[in-house]
Amino acid sequence: MRIKTNDTVRVIAGDDRGATGKVLRVEKKKNKLVVEGVNRAYKHVRRSQKNPQGGRLSKEMPISASNVQLVCAACGAAARFGVRYLNNGAKERYCKKCGAEGGQISPPKQRREK
């Protein structure tokens, strides 16, 4: 998965289509993301010491990673991102629309000498 925490994404499918938000949490095994302000659901809470009034809490629920697209910081548009290797062996994301780099994914790899 090329999406990380604190990335800005735009929802491209579902009830919240067109909404933009920051990724709060990534669930890699389930291929889902929790995006700020997207896919909100109500949870009914009973009165307790922690929540003395009780009532309904609105919280973000996970959304499928296939329903979001990364927003490029350089061109400002939601675009597809690819992966390329740098000369030192590090892996980075890049915007396929404008070619700008989108951050490093993995550190440089040490090459073994024979």
N, C-alpha and C. Protein backbone atom coordinates (compact mmCIF):
# COMPACT_ATOMS: atom_id res chain seq x y z
N MET A 1 0.85 -1.17 0.00
CA MET A 1 0.00 0.00 0.00
C MET A 1 0.89 1.24 0.00
N ARG A 2 0.61 2.19 -0.86
CA ARG A 2 1.45 3.37 -1.01
C ARG A 2 0.98 4.54 -0.15
N ILE A 3 -0.09 4.36 0.59
CA ILE A 3 -0.63 5.45 1.40
C ILE A 3 -0.16 5.27 2.84
N LYS A 4 0.32 6.39 3.43
CA LYS A 4 0.82 6.35 4.79
C LYS A 4 0.01 7.31 5.67
N THR A 5 0.22 7.23 6.97
CA THR A 5 -0.42 8.13 7.92
C THR A 5 0.01 9.56 7.63
N ASN A 6 -0.87 10.51 7.81
CA ASN A 6 -0.68 11.95 7.59
C ASN A 6 -0.64 12.35 6.12
N ASP A 7 -0.88 11.44 5.19
CA ASP A 7 -1.01 11.80 3.77
C ASP A 7 -2.37 12.46 3.56
N THR A 8 -2.47 13.31 2.56
CA THR A 8 -3.74 13.91 2.17
C THR A 8 -4.32 13.11 1.02
N VAL A 9 -5.58 12.70 1.17
CA VAL A 9 -6.23 11.88 0.15
C VAL A 9 -7.58 12.47 -0.22
N ARG A 10 -8.06 12.12 -1.41
CA ARG A 10 -9.39 12.52 -1.87
C ARG A 10 -10.20 11.26 -2.11
N VAL A 11 -11.44 11.26 -1.63
CA VAL A 11 -12.32 10.10 -1.79
C VAL A 11 -12.88 10.13 -3.21
N ILE A 12 -12.76 9.00 -3.93
CA ILE A 12 -13.20 8.96 -5.33
C ILE A 12 -14.43 8.09 -5.53
N ALA A 13 -14.89 7.40 -4.46
CA ALA A 13 -16.07 6.55 -4.59
C ALA A 13 -16.79 6.49 -3.25
N GLY A 14 -18.10 6.32 -3.30
CA GLY A 14 -18.89 6.18 -2.09
C GLY A 14 -19.69 7.42 -1.76
N ASP A 15 -20.30 7.42 -0.57
CA ASP A 15 -21.16 8.53 -0.16
C ASP A 15 -20.40 9.83 0.01
N ASP A 16 -19.13 9.76 0.40
CA ASP A 16 -18.33 10.97 0.65
C ASP A 16 -17.45 11.33 -0.54
N ARG A 17 -17.86 10.98 -1.74
CA ARG A 17 -17.08 11.26 -2.94
C ARG A 17 -16.76 12.74 -3.06
N GLY A 18 -15.50 13.06 -3.34
CA GLY A 18 -15.06 14.44 -3.49
C GLY A 18 -14.49 15.05 -2.23
N ALA A 19 -14.67 14.40 -1.08
CA ALA A 19 -14.14 14.93 0.18
C ALA A 19 -12.64 14.70 0.25
N THR A 20 -11.94 15.65 0.86
CA THR A 20 -10.50 15.56 1.04
C THR A 20 -10.20 15.56 2.52
N GLY A 21 -9.25 14.74 2.93
CA GLY A 21 -8.90 14.69 4.35
C GLY A 21 -7.55 14.05 4.57
N LYS A 22 -7.11 14.10 5.83
CA LYS A 22 -5.83 13.55 6.24
C LYS A 22 -6.03 12.13 6.74
N VAL A 23 -5.10 11.24 6.41
CA VAL A 23 -5.19 9.84 6.85
C VAL A 23 -4.77 9.78 8.32
N LEU A 24 -5.68 9.27 9.16
CA LEU A 24 -5.41 9.16 10.59
C LEU A 24 -4.78 7.81 10.94
N ARG A 25 -5.23 6.74 10.28
CA ARG A 25 -4.76 5.40 10.62
C ARG A 25 -4.82 4.52 9.37
N VAL A 26 -3.86 3.60 9.24
CA VAL A 26 -3.81 2.67 8.12
C VAL A 26 -3.89 1.25 8.66
N GLU A 27 -4.82 0.45 8.14
CA GLU A 27 -4.95 -0.95 8.51
C GLU A 27 -4.51 -1.78 7.30
N LYS A 28 -3.24 -2.16 7.26
CA LYS A 28 -2.68 -2.82 6.08
C LYS A 28 -3.29 -4.19 5.82
N LYS A 29 -3.53 -4.98 6.87
CA LYS A 29 -4.05 -6.32 6.67
C LYS A 29 -5.46 -6.31 6.09
N LYS A 30 -6.26 -5.32 6.45
CA LYS A 30 -7.63 -5.21 5.94
C LYS A 30 -7.72 -4.32 4.71
N ASN A 31 -6.61 -3.66 4.33
CA ASN A 31 -6.56 -2.75 3.19
C ASN A 31 -7.55 -1.60 3.36
N LYS A 32 -7.57 -1.01 4.56
CA LYS A 32 -8.50 0.07 4.87
C LYS A 32 -7.77 1.24 5.50
N LEU A 33 -8.40 2.41 5.41
CA LEU A 33 -7.86 3.66 5.96
C LEU A 33 -8.93 4.35 6.79
N VAL A 34 -8.49 5.12 7.77
CA VAL A 34 -9.40 5.99 8.50
C VAL A 34 -9.00 7.41 8.11
N VAL A 35 -9.93 8.13 7.47
CA VAL A 35 -9.66 9.47 6.96
C VAL A 35 -10.45 10.47 7.79
N GLU A 36 -9.81 11.59 8.10
CA GLU A 36 -10.41 12.62 8.94
C GLU A 36 -11.66 13.22 8.27
N GLY A 37 -12.80 13.13 8.95
CA GLY A 37 -14.04 13.73 8.46
C GLY A 37 -14.78 12.92 7.41
N VAL A 38 -14.36 11.70 7.14
CA VAL A 38 -14.96 10.88 6.09
C VAL A 38 -15.55 9.61 6.71
N ASN A 39 -16.71 9.17 6.21
CA ASN A 39 -17.37 7.95 6.64
C ASN A 39 -17.65 7.97 8.14
N ARG A 40 -18.33 9.02 8.57
CA ARG A 40 -18.66 9.17 9.99
C ARG A 40 -19.87 8.33 10.36
N ALA A 41 -19.83 7.75 11.56
CA ALA A 41 -20.93 6.93 12.06
C ALA A 41 -21.19 7.33 13.51
N TYR A 42 -22.41 7.13 13.97
CA TYR A 42 -22.77 7.44 15.35
C TYR A 42 -22.61 6.21 16.22
N LYS A 43 -22.02 6.41 17.40
CA LYS A 43 -21.93 5.36 18.39
C LYS A 43 -22.69 5.85 19.62
N HIS A 44 -23.67 5.08 20.05
CA HIS A 44 -24.47 5.46 21.20
C HIS A 44 -23.73 5.06 22.46
N VAL A 45 -23.53 6.02 23.35
CA VAL A 45 -22.72 5.81 24.54
C VAL A 45 -23.58 5.99 25.79
N ARG A 46 -23.45 5.08 26.71
CA ARG A 46 -24.16 5.13 27.98
C ARG A 46 -23.45 6.09 28.93
N ARG A 47 -24.16 6.66 29.87
CA ARG A 47 -23.54 7.56 30.83
C ARG A 47 -22.51 6.81 31.68
N SER A 48 -21.37 7.46 31.92
CA SER A 48 -20.31 6.88 32.74
C SER A 48 -19.49 8.01 33.33
N GLN A 49 -18.47 7.66 34.11
CA GLN A 49 -17.61 8.71 34.66
C GLN A 49 -16.81 9.38 33.55
N LYS A 50 -16.41 8.60 32.58
CA LYS A 50 -15.66 9.16 31.45
C LYS A 50 -16.53 10.06 30.59
N ASN A 51 -17.78 9.66 30.38
CA ASN A 51 -18.71 10.43 29.55
C ASN A 51 -19.99 10.65 30.38
N PRO A 52 -20.01 11.69 31.23
CA PRO A 52 -21.12 11.86 32.18
C PRO A 52 -22.46 12.16 31.53
N GLN A 53 -22.48 12.73 30.35
CA GLN A 53 -23.76 13.07 29.72
C GLN A 53 -24.33 11.92 28.89
N GLY A 54 -23.44 11.08 28.35
CA GLY A 54 -23.91 10.02 27.47
C GLY A 54 -24.31 10.59 26.13
N GLY A 55 -25.07 9.84 25.34
CA GLY A 55 -25.57 10.34 24.06
C GLY A 55 -24.92 9.67 22.88
N ARG A 56 -24.80 10.43 21.77
CA ARG A 56 -24.27 9.90 20.52
C ARG A 56 -22.91 10.53 20.23
N LEU A 57 -21.92 9.70 19.98
CA LEU A 57 -20.60 10.17 19.57
C LEU A 57 -20.45 9.91 18.08
N SER A 58 -19.93 10.87 17.36
CA SER A 58 -19.68 10.72 15.93
C SER A 58 -18.21 10.40 15.74
N LYS A 59 -17.92 9.28 15.08
CA LYS A 59 -16.53 8.88 14.87
C LYS A 59 -16.32 8.41 13.44
N GLU A 60 -15.06 8.51 12.99
CA GLU A 60 -14.72 8.08 11.64
C GLU A 60 -14.56 6.57 11.61
N MET A 61 -15.08 5.95 10.58
CA MET A 61 -14.97 4.51 10.39
C MET A 61 -14.04 4.25 9.21
N PRO A 62 -13.45 3.04 9.12
CA PRO A 62 -12.51 2.74 8.03
C PRO A 62 -13.20 2.75 6.66
N ILE A 63 -12.41 3.13 5.66
CA ILE A 63 -12.87 3.15 4.27
C ILE A 63 -11.85 2.35 3.46
N SER A 64 -12.29 1.70 2.42
CA SER A 64 -11.40 0.89 1.60
C SER A 64 -10.34 1.77 0.92
N ALA A 65 -9.12 1.26 0.86
CA ALA A 65 -8.03 2.02 0.25
C ALA A 65 -8.24 2.22 -1.25
N SER A 66 -9.05 1.37 -1.88
CA SER A 66 -9.29 1.51 -3.31
C SER A 66 -10.24 2.67 -3.61
N ASN A 67 -10.88 3.21 -2.60
CA ASN A 67 -11.82 4.32 -2.79
C ASN A 67 -11.20 5.69 -2.57
N VAL A 68 -9.89 5.75 -2.38
CA VAL A 68 -9.22 7.03 -2.18
C VAL A 68 -8.05 7.16 -3.14
N GLN A 69 -7.65 8.41 -3.38
CA GLN A 69 -6.51 8.71 -4.23
C GLN A 69 -5.65 9.74 -3.54
N LEU A 70 -4.33 9.56 -3.59
CA LEU A 70 -3.42 10.52 -2.98
C LEU A 70 -3.49 11.87 -3.68
N VAL A 71 -3.35 12.94 -2.91
CA VAL A 71 -3.31 14.29 -3.47
C VAL A 71 -1.85 14.71 -3.56
N CYS A 72 -1.42 15.10 -4.74
CA CYS A 72 -0.03 15.52 -4.96
C CYS A 72 0.19 16.90 -4.35
N ALA A 73 1.27 17.05 -3.60
CA ALA A 73 1.58 18.34 -2.98
C ALA A 73 2.04 19.36 -4.01
N ALA A 74 2.67 18.91 -5.10
CA ALA A 74 3.20 19.82 -6.10
C ALA A 74 2.10 20.37 -7.02
N CYS A 75 1.29 19.48 -7.61
CA CYS A 75 0.28 19.95 -8.55
C CYS A 75 -1.08 20.15 -7.90
N GLY A 76 -1.28 19.66 -6.68
CA GLY A 76 -2.52 19.89 -5.94
C GLY A 76 -3.71 19.08 -6.41
N ALA A 77 -3.49 18.13 -7.29
CA ALA A 77 -4.59 17.32 -7.82
C ALA A 77 -4.49 15.89 -7.29
N ALA A 78 -5.63 15.22 -7.24
CA ALA A 78 -5.62 13.80 -6.89
C ALA A 78 -5.08 13.04 -8.09
N ALA A 79 -4.03 12.29 -7.89
CA ALA A 79 -3.37 11.63 -9.01
C ALA A 79 -2.92 10.24 -8.60
N ARG A 80 -2.60 9.44 -9.62
CA ARG A 80 -2.03 8.12 -9.36
C ARG A 80 -0.56 8.30 -9.00
N PHE A 81 -0.09 7.46 -8.10
CA PHE A 81 1.31 7.51 -7.68
C PHE A 81 1.98 6.20 -8.03
N GLY A 82 3.23 6.29 -8.49
CA GLY A 82 4.02 5.12 -8.80
C GLY A 82 5.20 5.03 -7.85
N VAL A 83 5.99 3.99 -8.02
CA VAL A 83 7.18 3.78 -7.19
C VAL A 83 8.38 3.70 -8.11
N ARG A 84 9.45 4.38 -7.73
CA ARG A 84 10.70 4.27 -8.49
C ARG A 84 11.87 4.15 -7.52
N TYR A 85 12.96 3.59 -8.02
CA TYR A 85 14.15 3.41 -7.21
C TYR A 85 15.13 4.53 -7.50
N LEU A 86 15.76 5.04 -6.46
CA LEU A 86 16.79 6.07 -6.61
C LEU A 86 18.14 5.39 -6.81
N ASN A 87 19.16 6.19 -7.12
CA ASN A 87 20.49 5.64 -7.37
C ASN A 87 21.08 4.94 -6.15
N ASN A 88 20.73 5.41 -4.95
CA ASN A 88 21.29 4.80 -3.75
C ASN A 88 20.50 3.56 -3.29
N GLY A 89 19.48 3.17 -4.03
CA GLY A 89 18.70 1.98 -3.71
C GLY A 89 17.45 2.25 -2.91
N ALA A 90 17.19 3.50 -2.56
CA ALA A 90 15.99 3.84 -1.81
C ALA A 90 14.78 3.82 -2.74
N LYS A 91 13.61 3.59 -2.16
CA LYS A 91 12.38 3.55 -2.92
C LYS A 91 11.58 4.80 -2.59
N GLU A 92 11.02 5.47 -3.61
CA GLU A 92 10.21 6.67 -3.37
C GLU A 92 8.94 6.64 -4.22
N ARG A 93 7.93 7.37 -3.74
CA ARG A 93 6.70 7.54 -4.51
C ARG A 93 6.86 8.75 -5.42
N TYR A 94 6.17 8.72 -6.56
CA TYR A 94 6.18 9.88 -7.45
C TYR A 94 4.81 10.02 -8.10
N CYS A 95 4.45 11.27 -8.38
CA CYS A 95 3.17 11.58 -9.02
C CYS A 95 3.28 11.26 -10.50
N LYS A 96 2.33 10.48 -11.01
CA LYS A 96 2.37 10.12 -12.42
C LYS A 96 1.85 11.24 -13.31
N LYS A 97 1.22 12.26 -12.71
CA LYS A 97 0.69 13.37 -13.48
C LYS A 97 1.78 14.41 -13.76
N CYS A 98 2.53 14.80 -12.70
CA CYS A 98 3.53 15.86 -12.87
C CYS A 98 4.96 15.38 -12.65
N GLY A 99 5.15 14.16 -12.15
CA GLY A 99 6.49 13.61 -11.95
C GLY A 99 7.17 14.03 -10.66
N ALA A 100 6.49 14.78 -9.80
CA ALA A 100 7.09 15.23 -8.55
C ALA A 100 7.21 14.08 -7.57
N GLU A 101 8.21 14.16 -6.70
CA GLU A 101 8.39 13.09 -5.72
C GLU A 101 7.37 13.25 -4.60
N GLY A 102 6.94 12.11 -4.06
CA GLY A 102 5.91 12.11 -3.03
C GLY A 102 6.38 11.56 -1.71
N GLY A 103 7.68 11.48 -1.51
CA GLY A 103 8.21 10.99 -0.24
C GLY A 103 8.86 9.62 -0.39
N GLN A 104 9.80 9.37 0.50
CA GLN A 104 10.55 8.12 0.47
C GLN A 104 9.76 7.03 1.19
N ILE A 105 9.73 5.83 0.60
CA ILE A 105 9.00 4.71 1.18
C ILE A 105 9.92 3.83 2.01
N SER A 106 11.09 3.47 1.45
CA SER A 106 12.01 2.62 2.19
C SER A 106 13.41 3.21 2.13
N PRO A 107 14.23 2.91 3.15
CA PRO A 107 15.58 3.47 3.19
C PRO A 107 16.48 2.84 2.14
N PRO A 108 17.66 3.43 1.91
CA PRO A 108 18.60 2.86 0.94
C PRO A 108 19.03 1.45 1.36
N LYS A 109 19.19 0.58 0.37
CA LYS A 109 19.62 -0.78 0.67
C LYS A 109 21.12 -0.89 0.50
N GLN A 110 21.73 -1.64 1.39
CA GLN A 110 23.17 -1.87 1.31
C GLN A 110 23.43 -2.95 0.25
N ARG A 111 24.37 -2.68 -0.62
CA ARG A 111 24.71 -3.67 -1.64
C ARG A 111 25.79 -4.59 -1.09
N ARG A 112 25.62 -5.88 -1.37
CA ARG A 112 26.60 -6.85 -0.89
C ARG A 112 27.75 -6.96 -1.88
N GLU A 113 28.92 -7.01 -1.35
CA GLU A 113 30.12 -7.18 -2.18
C GLU A 113 30.39 -8.69 -2.34
N LYS A 114 30.79 -9.08 -3.53
CA LYS A 114 31.09 -10.51 -3.78
C LYS A 114 32.55 -10.79 -3.61
